[in-house]
């Protein structure tokens, strides 16, 4: 590790194979906490290369506990986090709206590291059970249209890193990896990233897969469609700029989608929105993200995807999906 750190500090890059090996060694407990913390910190001080990102991703996918959900043709809707915006849990709400619209969801999530409240914090608070039991997860999708894949249960390799990430409290390259390492290997994915450079890297990595994908970055800094301005989107065959008008709605203000700075407040906003009591801005931002996921999965227009999402939210189907999942968890 010392040799590797010296190279990285001297602004050298490492190969995909070296990057993969480092994570394998971390999982085996070969390095001490200070070495791991230094390794994480170096990557926050310089850009990650395509080879490095690919090596890290390949290691985590190889080391994970895989789960077979291919019969459900599910989609994952997930952001990297780390955008520093402290929005409410837009992508997690979008998952339930998508499930309510009849599109199966395999949601990969974790506790918040660089934000007040990650998707797992809210799910746990609301009484959703975390498990890697395949029968339970399949039953969840069958009955609720969604299952929750709590990352630590599927990535035991990362147990040596989790406390260090928590103590650092800032985004690390693991934020960049989270969306790409869903242990059910879903063939449909909607991913949000926290800057343009990472959007480009994701685009390069995903074009070499057989995944049907939409990767988004809101140009004013969000790792999801924020409706506070334009969103850059990369898909299998295209790159484009998405405007709020593409969904038939108006631009909103940043303060409209702020998320509460505690798990309790975040959970309250979550329940208000999913119960149909959200503000127009909150409903629209959730339905824009769910709408893109539905459009990606069903190959329909963004506007039709948005309208399908809105129907799922306002008719109570999204809430029914959540209620069913909570009931199954008891």
C-alpha atoms as a PDB file:
ATOM      1  CA  UNK A   1       0.000   0.000   0.000  1.00  0.00           C
ATOM      2  CA  UNK A   2       2.861   2.405   0.840  1.00  0.00           C
ATOM      3  CA  UNK A   3       4.243   2.149  -2.678  1.00  0.00           C
ATOM      4  CA  UNK A   4       0.784   2.687  -4.154  1.00  0.00           C
ATOM      5  CA  UNK A   5       0.133   5.748  -1.970  1.00  0.00           C
ATOM      6  CA  UNK A   6       3.479   7.273  -2.989  1.00  0.00           C
ATOM      7  CA  UNK A   7       2.579   6.831  -6.652  1.00  0.00           C
ATOM      8  CA  UNK A   8      -0.870   8.382  -6.156  1.00  0.00           C
ATOM      9  CA  UNK A   9       0.539  11.308  -4.152  1.00  0.00           C
ATOM     10  CA  UNK A  10       2.948  11.921  -7.062  1.00  0.00           C
ATOM     11  CA  UNK A  11      -0.118  12.261  -9.347  1.00  0.00           C
ATOM     12  CA  UNK A  12       0.421   8.910 -11.061  1.00  0.00           C
ATOM     13  CA  UNK A  13      -2.610   6.797 -11.940  1.00  0.00           C
ATOM     14  CA  UNK A  14      -3.143   3.092 -11.371  1.00  0.00           C
ATOM     15  CA  UNK A  15      -4.386   0.435 -13.772  1.00  0.00           C
ATOM     16  CA  UNK A  16      -7.815  -1.200 -13.642  1.00  0.00           C
ATOM     17  CA  UNK A  17      -6.183  -4.405 -12.381  1.00  0.00           C
ATOM     18  CA  UNK A  18      -4.282  -2.561  -9.598  1.00  0.00           C
ATOM     19  CA  UNK A  19      -7.451  -0.719  -8.547  1.00  0.00           C
ATOM     20  CA  UNK A  20      -9.349  -4.003  -8.415  1.00  0.00           C
ATOM     21  CA  UNK A  21      -6.602  -5.652  -6.355  1.00  0.00           C
ATOM     22  CA  UNK A  22      -6.561  -2.827  -3.779  1.00  0.00           C
ATOM     23  CA  UNK A  23     -10.245  -3.320  -3.010  1.00  0.00           C
ATOM     24  CA  UNK A  24      -9.787  -7.096  -2.821  1.00  0.00           C
ATOM     25  CA  UNK A  25      -6.916  -6.532  -0.348  1.00  0.00           C
ATOM     26  CA  UNK A  26      -9.012  -4.057   1.695  1.00  0.00           C
ATOM     27  CA  UNK A  27     -11.752  -6.698   1.921  1.00  0.00           C
ATOM     28  CA  UNK A  28      -9.202  -9.240   3.208  1.00  0.00           C
ATOM     29  CA  UNK A  29      -8.106  -6.799   5.935  1.00  0.00           C
ATOM     30  CA  UNK A  30      -4.576  -6.394   4.526  1.00  0.00           C
ATOM     31  CA  UNK A  31      -4.339  -2.653   5.331  1.00  0.00           C
ATOM     32  CA  UNK A  32      -4.749  -0.621   8.514  1.00  0.00           C
ATOM     33  CA  UNK A  33      -7.364   2.116   8.934  1.00  0.00           C
ATOM     34  CA  UNK A  34      -4.895   4.961   8.411  1.00  0.00           C
ATOM     35  CA  UNK A  35      -3.751   3.506   5.100  1.00  0.00           C
ATOM     36  CA  UNK A  36      -7.357   3.071   3.929  1.00  0.00           C
ATOM     37  CA  UNK A  37      -8.249   6.634   5.018  1.00  0.00           C
ATOM     38  CA  UNK A  38      -5.225   7.998   3.127  1.00  0.00           C
ATOM     39  CA  UNK A  39      -6.175   5.998   0.054  1.00  0.00           C
ATOM     40  CA  UNK A  40      -9.738   7.384   0.105  1.00  0.00           C
ATOM     41  CA  UNK A  41      -8.494  10.937   0.697  1.00  0.00           C
ATOM     42  CA  UNK A  42      -6.042  10.921  -2.217  1.00  0.00           C
ATOM     43  CA  UNK A  43      -8.931  10.281  -4.601  1.00  0.00           C
ATOM     44  CA  UNK A  44     -10.807  13.312  -3.309  1.00  0.00           C
ATOM     45  CA  UNK A  45      -7.836  15.506  -4.235  1.00  0.00           C
ATOM     46  CA  UNK A  46      -7.600  14.452  -7.855  1.00  0.00           C
ATOM     47  CA  UNK A  47      -9.848  13.104 -10.585  1.00  0.00           C
ATOM     48  CA  UNK A  48     -10.462   9.394 -10.840  1.00  0.00           C
ATOM     49  CA  UNK A  49      -9.609   7.786 -14.212  1.00  0.00           C
ATOM     50  CA  UNK A  50     -11.843   5.488 -16.234  1.00  0.00           C
ATOM     51  CA  UNK A  51      -9.519   2.516 -15.572  1.00  0.00           C
ATOM     52  CA  UNK A  52      -9.487   3.157 -11.814  1.00  0.00           C
ATOM     53  CA  UNK A  53     -13.269   3.459 -11.624  1.00  0.00           C
ATOM     54  CA  UNK A  54     -13.703   0.307 -13.701  1.00  0.00           C
ATOM     55  CA  UNK A  55     -11.278  -1.641 -11.493  1.00  0.00           C
ATOM     56  CA  UNK A  56     -13.051  -0.568  -8.306  1.00  0.00           C
ATOM     57  CA  UNK A  57     -16.456  -1.429  -9.802  1.00  0.00           C
ATOM     58  CA  UNK A  58     -15.300  -4.850 -11.041  1.00  0.00           C
ATOM     59  CA  UNK A  59     -13.886  -5.696  -7.597  1.00  0.00           C
ATOM     60  CA  UNK A  60     -17.115  -4.827  -5.770  1.00  0.00           C
ATOM     61  CA  UNK A  61     -19.285  -6.756  -8.235  1.00  0.00           C
ATOM     62  CA  UNK A  62     -16.995  -9.780  -7.958  1.00  0.00           C
ATOM     63  CA  UNK A  63     -16.929  -9.646  -4.137  1.00  0.00           C
ATOM     64  CA  UNK A  64     -20.656  -9.003  -3.602  1.00  0.00           C
ATOM     65  CA  UNK A  65     -23.287 -11.527  -2.500  1.00  0.00           C
ATOM     66  CA  UNK A  66     -25.297 -11.761  -5.754  1.00  0.00           C
ATOM     67  CA  UNK A  67     -29.079 -12.003  -5.756  1.00  0.00           C
ATOM     68  CA  UNK A  68     -31.020 -13.446  -8.696  1.00  0.00           C
ATOM     69  CA  UNK A  69     -33.974 -11.219  -9.591  1.00  0.00           C
ATOM     70  CA  UNK A  70     -33.690 -11.474 -13.383  1.00  0.00           C
ATOM     71  CA  UNK A  71     -37.230 -12.864 -13.752  1.00  0.00           C
ATOM     72  CA  UNK A  72     -38.599  -9.494 -12.622  1.00  0.00           C
ATOM     73  CA  UNK A  73     -36.829  -7.316 -15.234  1.00  0.00           C
ATOM     74  CA  UNK A  74     -36.420  -4.685 -12.502  1.00  0.00           C
ATOM     75  CA  UNK A  75     -34.937  -1.186 -12.649  1.00  0.00           C
ATOM     76  CA  UNK A  76     -32.786   0.547 -10.031  1.00  0.00           C
ATOM     77  CA  UNK A  77     -33.168   4.295  -9.462  1.00  0.00           C
ATOM     78  CA  UNK A  78     -30.197   5.578  -7.511  1.00  0.00           C
ATOM     79  CA  UNK A  79     -27.956   8.616  -7.172  1.00  0.00           C
ATOM     80  CA  UNK A  80     -24.347   8.784  -6.076  1.00  0.00           C
ATOM     81  CA  UNK A  81     -25.153  11.198  -3.264  1.00  0.00           C
ATOM     82  CA  UNK A  82     -22.360  13.606  -2.499  1.00  0.00           C
ATOM     83  CA  UNK A  83     -23.923  16.559  -4.322  1.00  0.00           C
ATOM     84  CA  UNK A  84     -24.079  18.504  -1.036  1.00  0.00           C
ATOM     85  CA  UNK A  85     -27.641  19.672  -1.775  1.00  0.00           C
ATOM     86  CA  UNK A  86     -29.502  17.971   1.107  1.00  0.00           C
ATOM     87  CA  UNK A  87     -32.663  17.385  -0.879  1.00  0.00           C
ATOM     88  CA  UNK A  88     -35.418  15.150   0.477  1.00  0.00           C
ATOM     89  CA  UNK A  89     -35.230  11.482  -0.580  1.00  0.00           C
ATOM     90  CA  UNK A  90     -36.252  12.043  -4.183  1.00  0.00           C
ATOM     91  CA  UNK A  91     -34.844   8.875  -5.751  1.00  0.00           C
ATOM     92  CA  UNK A  92     -36.241   6.611  -2.993  1.00  0.00           C
ATOM     93  CA  UNK A  93     -39.715   8.148  -3.399  1.00  0.00           C
ATOM     94  CA  UNK A  94     -39.338   7.777  -7.166  1.00  0.00           C
ATOM     95  CA  UNK A  95     -38.764   4.040  -6.642  1.00  0.00           C
ATOM     96  CA  UNK A  96     -42.151   3.605  -4.951  1.00  0.00           C
ATOM     97  CA  UNK A  97     -43.892   5.747  -7.567  1.00  0.00           C
ATOM     98  CA  UNK A  98     -42.271   3.614 -10.284  1.00  0.00           C
ATOM     99  CA  UNK A  99     -43.311   0.405  -8.500  1.00  0.00           C
ATOM    100  CA  UNK A 100     -46.856   1.772  -8.152  1.00  0.00           C
ATOM    101  CA  UNK A 101     -46.882   2.298 -11.912  1.00  0.00           C
ATOM    102  CA  UNK A 102     -46.248  -1.411 -12.483  1.00  0.00           C
ATOM    103  CA  UNK A 103     -42.487  -1.271 -13.165  1.00  0.00           C
ATOM    104  CA  UNK A 104     -40.563  -3.575 -10.804  1.00  0.00           C
ATOM    105  CA  UNK A 105     -37.773  -1.945  -8.767  1.00  0.00           C
ATOM    106  CA  UNK A 106     -34.666  -3.440  -7.128  1.00  0.00           C
ATOM    107  CA  UNK A 107     -33.512  -0.479  -5.022  1.00  0.00           C
ATOM    108  CA  UNK A 108     -29.867  -0.524  -3.953  1.00  0.00           C
ATOM    109  CA  UNK A 109     -29.265   1.911  -1.089  1.00  0.00           C
ATOM    110  CA  UNK A 110     -27.271   2.757   2.002  1.00  0.00           C
ATOM    111  CA  UNK A 111     -27.182   5.023   5.035  1.00  0.00           C
ATOM    112  CA  UNK A 112     -26.270   8.648   4.353  1.00  0.00           C
ATOM    113  CA  UNK A 113     -22.538   9.341   4.615  1.00  0.00           C
ATOM    114  CA  UNK A 114     -22.161  12.836   3.195  1.00  0.00           C
ATOM    115  CA  UNK A 115     -25.845  13.801   3.631  1.00  0.00           C
ATOM    116  CA  UNK A 116     -28.130  13.891   6.667  1.00  0.00           C
ATOM    117  CA  UNK A 117     -30.283  11.019   5.520  1.00  0.00           C
ATOM    118  CA  UNK A 118     -29.664   8.289   2.938  1.00  0.00           C
ATOM    119  CA  UNK A 119     -32.371   6.013   1.542  1.00  0.00           C
ATOM    120  CA  UNK A 120     -31.638   3.283   4.124  1.00  0.00           C
ATOM    121  CA  UNK A 121     -32.079   5.747   7.010  1.00  0.00           C
ATOM    122  CA  UNK A 122     -35.627   6.564   5.890  1.00  0.00           C
ATOM    123  CA  UNK A 123     -36.551   2.972   5.003  1.00  0.00           C
ATOM    124  CA  UNK A 124     -35.364   1.732   8.391  1.00  0.00           C
ATOM    125  CA  UNK A 125     -37.203   4.544  10.207  1.00  0.00           C
ATOM    126  CA  UNK A 126     -40.434   3.590   8.425  1.00  0.00           C
ATOM    127  CA  UNK A 127     -40.091  -0.067   9.416  1.00  0.00           C
ATOM    128  CA  UNK A 128     -38.758  -1.717   6.247  1.00  0.00           C
ATOM    129  CA  UNK A 129     -36.773  -4.876   6.994  1.00  0.00           C
ATOM    130  CA  UNK A 130     -33.243  -5.200   5.589  1.00  0.00           C
ATOM    131  CA  UNK A 131     -32.273  -8.703   4.530  1.00  0.00           C
ATOM    132  CA  UNK A 132     -30.324 -10.560   1.867  1.00  0.00           C
ATOM    133  CA  UNK A 133     -32.754 -13.478   1.984  1.00  0.00           C
ATOM    134  CA  UNK A 134     -33.636 -14.161  -1.649  1.00  0.00           C
ATOM    135  CA  UNK A 135     -37.113 -15.574  -0.925  1.00  0.00           C
ATOM    136  CA  UNK A 136     -38.128 -12.482   1.048  1.00  0.00           C
ATOM    137  CA  UNK A 137     -36.778 -10.125  -1.633  1.00  0.00           C
ATOM    138  CA  UNK A 138     -38.612 -11.985  -4.407  1.00  0.00           C
ATOM    139  CA  UNK A 139     -41.811 -11.940  -2.349  1.00  0.00           C
ATOM    140  CA  UNK A 140     -41.348  -8.169  -1.858  1.00  0.00           C
ATOM    141  CA  UNK A 141     -41.178  -7.579  -5.613  1.00  0.00           C
ATOM    142  CA  UNK A 142     -44.115  -9.911  -6.283  1.00  0.00           C
ATOM    143  CA  UNK A 143     -46.380  -8.259  -3.726  1.00  0.00           C
ATOM    144  CA  UNK A 144     -45.104  -4.654  -3.511  1.00  0.00           C
ATOM    145  CA  UNK A 145     -43.344  -4.234  -6.880  1.00  0.00           C
ATOM    146  CA  UNK A 146     -40.129  -3.287  -5.067  1.00  0.00           C
ATOM    147  CA  UNK A 147     -37.419  -4.760  -2.877  1.00  0.00           C
ATOM    148  CA  UNK A 148     -34.756  -2.917  -0.874  1.00  0.00           C
ATOM    149  CA  UNK A 149     -31.152  -4.099  -1.240  1.00  0.00           C
ATOM    150  CA  UNK A 150     -29.360  -2.549   1.745  1.00  0.00           C
ATOM    151  CA  UNK A 151     -25.764  -2.304   0.500  1.00  0.00           C
ATOM    152  CA  UNK A 152     -23.853  -3.497   3.620  1.00  0.00           C
ATOM    153  CA  UNK A 153     -25.713  -6.844   3.553  1.00  0.00           C
ATOM    154  CA  UNK A 154     -24.502  -7.537   0.010  1.00  0.00           C
ATOM    155  CA  UNK A 155     -21.017  -6.024   0.149  1.00  0.00           C
ATOM    156  CA  UNK A 156     -19.356  -7.637   3.188  1.00  0.00           C
ATOM    157  CA  UNK A 157     -16.031  -6.732   1.589  1.00  0.00           C
ATOM    158  CA  UNK A 158     -16.682  -3.129   2.588  1.00  0.00           C
ATOM    159  CA  UNK A 159     -17.048  -3.674   6.331  1.00  0.00           C
ATOM    160  CA  UNK A 160     -13.448  -2.443   6.812  1.00  0.00           C
ATOM    161  CA  UNK A 161     -14.285   0.784   4.970  1.00  0.00           C
ATOM    162  CA  UNK A 162     -17.710   1.685   6.416  1.00  0.00           C
ATOM    163  CA  UNK A 163     -16.506   3.111   9.779  1.00  0.00           C
ATOM    164  CA  UNK A 164     -13.781   5.118   8.038  1.00  0.00           C
ATOM    165  CA  UNK A 165     -16.292   6.602   5.586  1.00  0.00           C
ATOM    166  CA  UNK A 166     -18.600   7.494   8.476  1.00  0.00           C
ATOM    167  CA  UNK A 167     -15.783   9.160  10.411  1.00  0.00           C
ATOM    168  CA  UNK A 168     -14.571  11.103   7.361  1.00  0.00           C
ATOM    169  CA  UNK A 169     -18.151  12.268   6.693  1.00  0.00           C
ATOM    170  CA  UNK A 170     -17.333  13.442   3.169  1.00  0.00           C
ATOM    171  CA  UNK A 171     -17.999  11.920  -0.216  1.00  0.00           C
ATOM    172  CA  UNK A 172     -15.371   9.422  -1.370  1.00  0.00           C
ATOM    173  CA  UNK A 173     -15.010   7.347  -4.523  1.00  0.00           C
ATOM    174  CA  UNK A 174     -17.418   4.857  -2.907  1.00  0.00           C
ATOM    175  CA  UNK A 175     -20.160   7.410  -3.617  1.00  0.00           C
ATOM    176  CA  UNK A 176     -19.174   7.097  -7.281  1.00  0.00           C
ATOM    177  CA  UNK A 177     -19.395   3.302  -7.102  1.00  0.00           C
ATOM    178  CA  UNK A 178     -22.667   2.815  -5.195  1.00  0.00           C
ATOM    179  CA  UNK A 179     -25.072   3.067  -8.139  1.00  0.00           C
ATOM    180  CA  UNK A 180     -22.960   0.735 -10.294  1.00  0.00           C
ATOM    181  CA  UNK A 181     -22.723  -2.213  -7.903  1.00  0.00           C
ATOM    182  CA  UNK A 182     -26.325  -3.351  -7.406  1.00  0.00           C
ATOM    183  CA  UNK A 183     -25.978  -7.044  -6.390  1.00  0.00           C
ATOM    184  CA  UNK A 184     -29.002  -8.066  -8.471  1.00  0.00           C
ATOM    185  CA  UNK A 185     -27.257  -6.840 -11.671  1.00  0.00           C
ATOM    186  CA  UNK A 186     -30.465  -5.185 -13.009  1.00  0.00           C
ATOM    187  CA  UNK A 187     -30.686  -4.790 -16.766  1.00  0.00           C
ATOM    188  CA  UNK A 188     -32.464  -1.399 -16.411  1.00  0.00           C
ATOM    189  CA  UNK A 189     -30.871   1.444 -14.482  1.00  0.00           C
ATOM    190  CA  UNK A 190     -31.488   5.135 -13.908  1.00  0.00           C
ATOM    191  CA  UNK A 191     -28.441   6.691 -12.308  1.00  0.00           C
ATOM    192  CA  UNK A 192     -27.697  10.177 -11.004  1.00  0.00           C
ATOM    193  CA  UNK A 193     -24.159  11.527 -10.601  1.00  0.00           C
ATOM    194  CA  UNK A 194     -22.713  14.563  -8.799  1.00  0.00           C
ATOM    195  CA  UNK A 195     -20.682  16.199 -11.591  1.00  0.00           C
ATOM    196  CA  UNK A 196     -20.239  16.357 -15.353  1.00  0.00           C
ATOM    197  CA  UNK A 197     -16.905  14.556 -15.328  1.00  0.00           C
ATOM    198  CA  UNK A 198     -18.446  11.542 -13.584  1.00  0.00           C
ATOM    199  CA  UNK A 199     -21.387  11.641 -16.001  1.00  0.00           C
ATOM    200  CA  UNK A 200     -18.896  11.254 -18.833  1.00  0.00           C
ATOM    201  CA  UNK A 201     -17.043   8.383 -17.078  1.00  0.00           C
ATOM    202  CA  UNK A 202     -20.316   6.566 -16.370  1.00  0.00           C
ATOM    203  CA  UNK A 203     -21.277   7.037 -20.019  1.00  0.00           C
ATOM    204  CA  UNK A 204     -18.036   5.368 -21.169  1.00  0.00           C
ATOM    205  CA  UNK A 205     -18.394   2.482 -18.706  1.00  0.00           C
ATOM    206  CA  UNK A 206     -22.057   1.827 -19.436  1.00  0.00           C
ATOM    207  CA  UNK A 207     -21.708   1.801 -23.203  1.00  0.00           C
ATOM    208  CA  UNK A 208     -19.688  -1.418 -22.784  1.00  0.00           C
ATOM    209  CA  UNK A 209     -22.504  -3.214 -20.941  1.00  0.00           C
ATOM    210  CA  UNK A 210     -25.804  -4.817 -21.975  1.00  0.00           C
ATOM    211  CA  UNK A 211     -27.731  -2.545 -19.570  1.00  0.00           C
ATOM    212  CA  UNK A 212     -30.606  -0.303 -20.651  1.00  0.00           C
ATOM    213  CA  UNK A 213     -29.662   2.970 -18.917  1.00  0.00           C
ATOM    214  CA  UNK A 214     -30.319   6.665 -18.328  1.00  0.00           C
ATOM    215  CA  UNK A 215     -27.577   8.624 -16.517  1.00  0.00           C
ATOM    216  CA  UNK A 216     -28.450  12.137 -15.306  1.00  0.00           C
ATOM    217  CA  UNK A 217     -26.754  15.204 -13.869  1.00  0.00           C
ATOM    218  CA  UNK A 218     -28.635  18.457 -13.193  1.00  0.00           C
ATOM    219  CA  UNK A 219     -26.371  21.213 -14.505  1.00  0.00           C
ATOM    220  CA  UNK A 220     -26.766  23.271 -11.314  1.00  0.00           C
ATOM    221  CA  UNK A 221     -25.222  20.473  -9.270  1.00  0.00           C
ATOM    222  CA  UNK A 222     -27.803  17.817  -8.358  1.00  0.00           C
ATOM    223  CA  UNK A 223     -27.340  14.046  -8.761  1.00  0.00           C
ATOM    224  CA  UNK A 224     -30.923  13.692 -10.062  1.00  0.00           C
ATOM    225  CA  UNK A 225     -33.442  15.617 -12.143  1.00  0.00           C
ATOM    226  CA  UNK A 226     -34.008  18.648  -9.893  1.00  0.00           C
ATOM    227  CA  UNK A 227     -36.305  20.717 -12.173  1.00  0.00           C
ATOM    228  CA  UNK A 228     -34.358  23.763 -10.893  1.00  0.00           C
ATOM    229  CA  UNK A 229     -32.809  24.067 -14.349  1.00  0.00           C
ATOM    230  CA  UNK A 230     -31.517  21.897 -17.173  1.00  0.00           C
ATOM    231  CA  UNK A 231     -30.436  18.266 -16.793  1.00  0.00           C
ATOM    232  CA  UNK A 232     -27.841  16.521 -18.946  1.00  0.00           C
ATOM    233  CA  UNK A 233     -28.827  12.958 -19.776  1.00  0.00           C
ATOM    234  CA  UNK A 234     -26.844  10.121 -21.387  1.00  0.00           C
ATOM    235  CA  UNK A 235     -28.695   7.048 -22.647  1.00  0.00           C
ATOM    236  CA  UNK A 236     -27.757   3.994 -24.724  1.00  0.00           C
ATOM    237  CA  UNK A 237     -28.079   5.730 -28.073  1.00  0.00           C
ATOM    238  CA  UNK A 238     -28.144   9.418 -27.224  1.00  0.00           C
ATOM    239  CA  UNK A 239     -27.054  12.428 -25.220  1.00  0.00           C
ATOM    240  CA  UNK A 240     -29.440  15.298 -24.631  1.00  0.00           C
ATOM    241  CA  UNK A 241     -30.452  18.179 -22.397  1.00  0.00           C
ATOM    242  CA  UNK A 242     -33.698  17.773 -20.508  1.00  0.00           C
ATOM    243  CA  UNK A 243     -35.840  20.801 -19.592  1.00  0.00           C
ATOM    244  CA  UNK A 244     -38.747  20.926 -17.105  1.00  0.00           C
ATOM    245  CA  UNK A 245     -40.924  21.768 -20.126  1.00  0.00           C
ATOM    246  CA  UNK A 246     -40.158  18.292 -21.556  1.00  0.00           C
ATOM    247  CA  UNK A 247     -42.405  16.953 -18.784  1.00  0.00           C
ATOM    248  CA  UNK A 248     -44.974  19.696 -19.410  1.00  0.00           C
ATOM    249  CA  UNK A 249     -44.146  21.527 -16.150  1.00  0.00           C
ATOM    250  CA  UNK A 250     -42.449  24.714 -14.927  1.00  0.00           C
ATOM    251  CA  UNK A 251     -39.004  25.202 -13.398  1.00  0.00           C
ATOM    252  CA  UNK A 252     -38.901  25.189  -9.572  1.00  0.00           C
ATOM    253  CA  UNK A 253     -36.658  26.825  -6.947  1.00  0.00           C
ATOM    254  CA  UNK A 254     -33.908  25.073  -4.983  1.00  0.00           C
ATOM    255  CA  UNK A 255     -35.585  25.780  -1.631  1.00  0.00           C
ATOM    256  CA  UNK A 256     -38.666  23.852  -2.834  1.00  0.00           C
ATOM    257  CA  UNK A 257     -36.813  20.524  -2.675  1.00  0.00           C
ATOM    258  CA  UNK A 258     -34.745  20.928   0.498  1.00  0.00           C
ATOM    259  CA  UNK A 259     -34.985  17.778   2.574  1.00  0.00           C
ATOM    260  CA  UNK A 260     -34.922  18.263   6.287  1.00  0.00           C
ATOM    261  CA  UNK A 261     -31.747  17.894   8.327  1.00  0.00           C
ATOM    262  CA  UNK A 262     -32.756  14.899  10.472  1.00  0.00           C
ATOM    263  CA  UNK A 263     -34.061  11.418   9.716  1.00  0.00           C
ATOM    264  CA  UNK A 264     -37.368  12.323  11.437  1.00  0.00           C
ATOM    265  CA  UNK A 265     -37.890  15.410   9.260  1.00  0.00           C
ATOM    266  CA  UNK A 266     -36.851  13.532   6.110  1.00  0.00           C
ATOM    267  CA  UNK A 267     -39.278  10.709   6.948  1.00  0.00           C
ATOM    268  CA  UNK A 268     -42.088  13.221   7.520  1.00  0.00           C
ATOM    269  CA  UNK A 269     -41.521  14.783   4.069  1.00  0.00           C
ATOM    270  CA  UNK A 270     -41.341  11.261   2.608  1.00  0.00           C
ATOM    271  CA  UNK A 271     -44.716  10.311   4.113  1.00  0.00           C
ATOM    272  CA  UNK A 272     -46.323  13.645   3.176  1.00  0.00           C
ATOM    273  CA  UNK A 273     -45.306  13.239  -0.462  1.00  0.00           C
ATOM    274  CA  UNK A 274     -46.173   9.547  -0.825  1.00  0.00           C
ATOM    275  CA  UNK A 275     -49.543  10.142   0.877  1.00  0.00           C
ATOM    276  CA  UNK A 276     -50.431  12.737  -1.778  1.00  0.00           C
ATOM    277  CA  UNK A 277     -49.861  15.710   0.548  1.00  0.00           C
ATOM    278  CA  UNK A 278     -46.622  16.963  -0.987  1.00  0.00           C
ATOM    279  CA  UNK A 279     -46.280  20.404  -2.506  1.00  0.00           C
ATOM    280  CA  UNK A 280     -46.630  20.728  -6.265  1.00  0.00           C
ATOM    281  CA  UNK A 281     -42.848  21.153  -6.573  1.00  0.00           C
ATOM    282  CA  UNK A 282     -42.144  18.047  -4.448  1.00  0.00           C
ATOM    283  CA  UNK A 283     -44.653  15.948  -6.411  1.00  0.00           C
ATOM    284  CA  UNK A 284     -43.283  17.157  -9.740  1.00  0.00           C
ATOM    285  CA  UNK A 285     -39.636  16.469  -8.933  1.00  0.00           C
ATOM    286  CA  UNK A 286     -40.443  12.950  -7.715  1.00  0.00           C
ATOM    287  CA  UNK A 287     -42.613  12.254 -10.765  1.00  0.00           C
ATOM    288  CA  UNK A 288     -39.983  13.641 -13.154  1.00  0.00           C
ATOM    289  CA  UNK A 289     -37.428  11.145 -11.816  1.00  0.00           C
ATOM    290  CA  UNK A 290     -39.914   8.269 -11.649  1.00  0.00           C
ATOM    291  CA  UNK A 291     -41.173   9.306 -15.091  1.00  0.00           C
ATOM    292  CA  UNK A 292     -37.696   9.004 -16.600  1.00  0.00           C
ATOM    293  CA  UNK A 293     -37.272   5.586 -14.947  1.00  0.00           C
ATOM    294  CA  UNK A 294     -40.632   4.423 -16.344  1.00  0.00           C
ATOM    295  CA  UNK A 295     -39.760   5.870 -19.764  1.00  0.00           C
ATOM    296  CA  UNK A 296     -36.359   4.124 -19.680  1.00  0.00           C
ATOM    297  CA  UNK A 297     -37.887   0.781 -18.751  1.00  0.00           C
ATOM    298  CA  UNK A 298     -40.874   0.944 -21.109  1.00  0.00           C
ATOM    299  CA  UNK A 299     -39.214   2.892 -23.958  1.00  0.00           C
ATOM    300  CA  UNK A 300     -41.898   5.594 -23.958  1.00  0.00           C
ATOM    301  CA  UNK A 301     -41.665   9.412 -24.029  1.00  0.00           C
ATOM    302  CA  UNK A 302     -40.582  11.383 -20.947  1.00  0.00           C
ATOM    303  CA  UNK A 303     -43.924  13.178 -20.872  1.00  0.00           C
ATOM    304  CA  UNK A 304     -45.914   9.933 -20.912  1.00  0.00           C
ATOM    305  CA  UNK A 305     -43.569   8.520 -18.266  1.00  0.00           C
ATOM    306  CA  UNK A 306     -44.203  11.608 -16.126  1.00  0.00           C
ATOM    307  CA  UNK A 307     -47.981  11.338 -16.502  1.00  0.00           C
ATOM    308  CA  UNK A 308     -47.850   7.626 -15.608  1.00  0.00           C
ATOM    309  CA  UNK A 309     -45.796   8.494 -12.505  1.00  0.00           C
ATOM    310  CA  UNK A 310     -48.207  11.232 -11.481  1.00  0.00           C
ATOM    311  CA  UNK A 311     -51.134   8.829 -11.744  1.00  0.00           C
ATOM    312  CA  UNK A 312     -49.260   6.298  -9.548  1.00  0.00           C
ATOM    313  CA  UNK A 313     -48.560   8.936  -6.886  1.00  0.00           C
ATOM    314  CA  UNK A 314     -51.913  10.713  -6.788  1.00  0.00           C
ATOM    315  CA  UNK A 315     -54.060   7.561  -7.035  1.00  0.00           C
ATOM    316  CA  UNK A 316     -52.346   6.072  -3.960  1.00  0.00           C
ATOM    317  CA  UNK A 317     -50.676   3.192  -5.830  1.00  0.00           C
ATOM    318  CA  UNK A 318     -47.208   4.353  -4.743  1.00  0.00           C
ATOM    319  CA  UNK A 319     -48.363   4.501  -1.102  1.00  0.00           C
ATOM    320  CA  UNK A 320     -49.881   1.013  -1.416  1.00  0.00           C
ATOM    321  CA  UNK A 321     -46.511  -0.269  -2.592  1.00  0.00           C
ATOM    322  CA  UNK A 322     -44.837   1.217   0.522  1.00  0.00           C
ATOM    323  CA  UNK A 323     -47.571  -0.051   2.868  1.00  0.00           C
ATOM    324  CA  UNK A 324     -47.248  -3.566   1.442  1.00  0.00           C
ATOM    325  CA  UNK A 325     -43.470  -3.553   1.890  1.00  0.00           C
ATOM    326  CA  UNK A 326     -43.785  -2.382   5.510  1.00  0.00           C
ATOM    327  CA  UNK A 327     -46.452  -5.039   6.166  1.00  0.00           C
ATOM    328  CA  UNK A 328     -44.221  -7.778   4.701  1.00  0.00           C
ATOM    329  CA  UNK A 329     -41.397  -6.585   6.955  1.00  0.00           C
ATOM    330  CA  UNK A 330     -43.336  -7.230  10.177  1.00  0.00           C
END
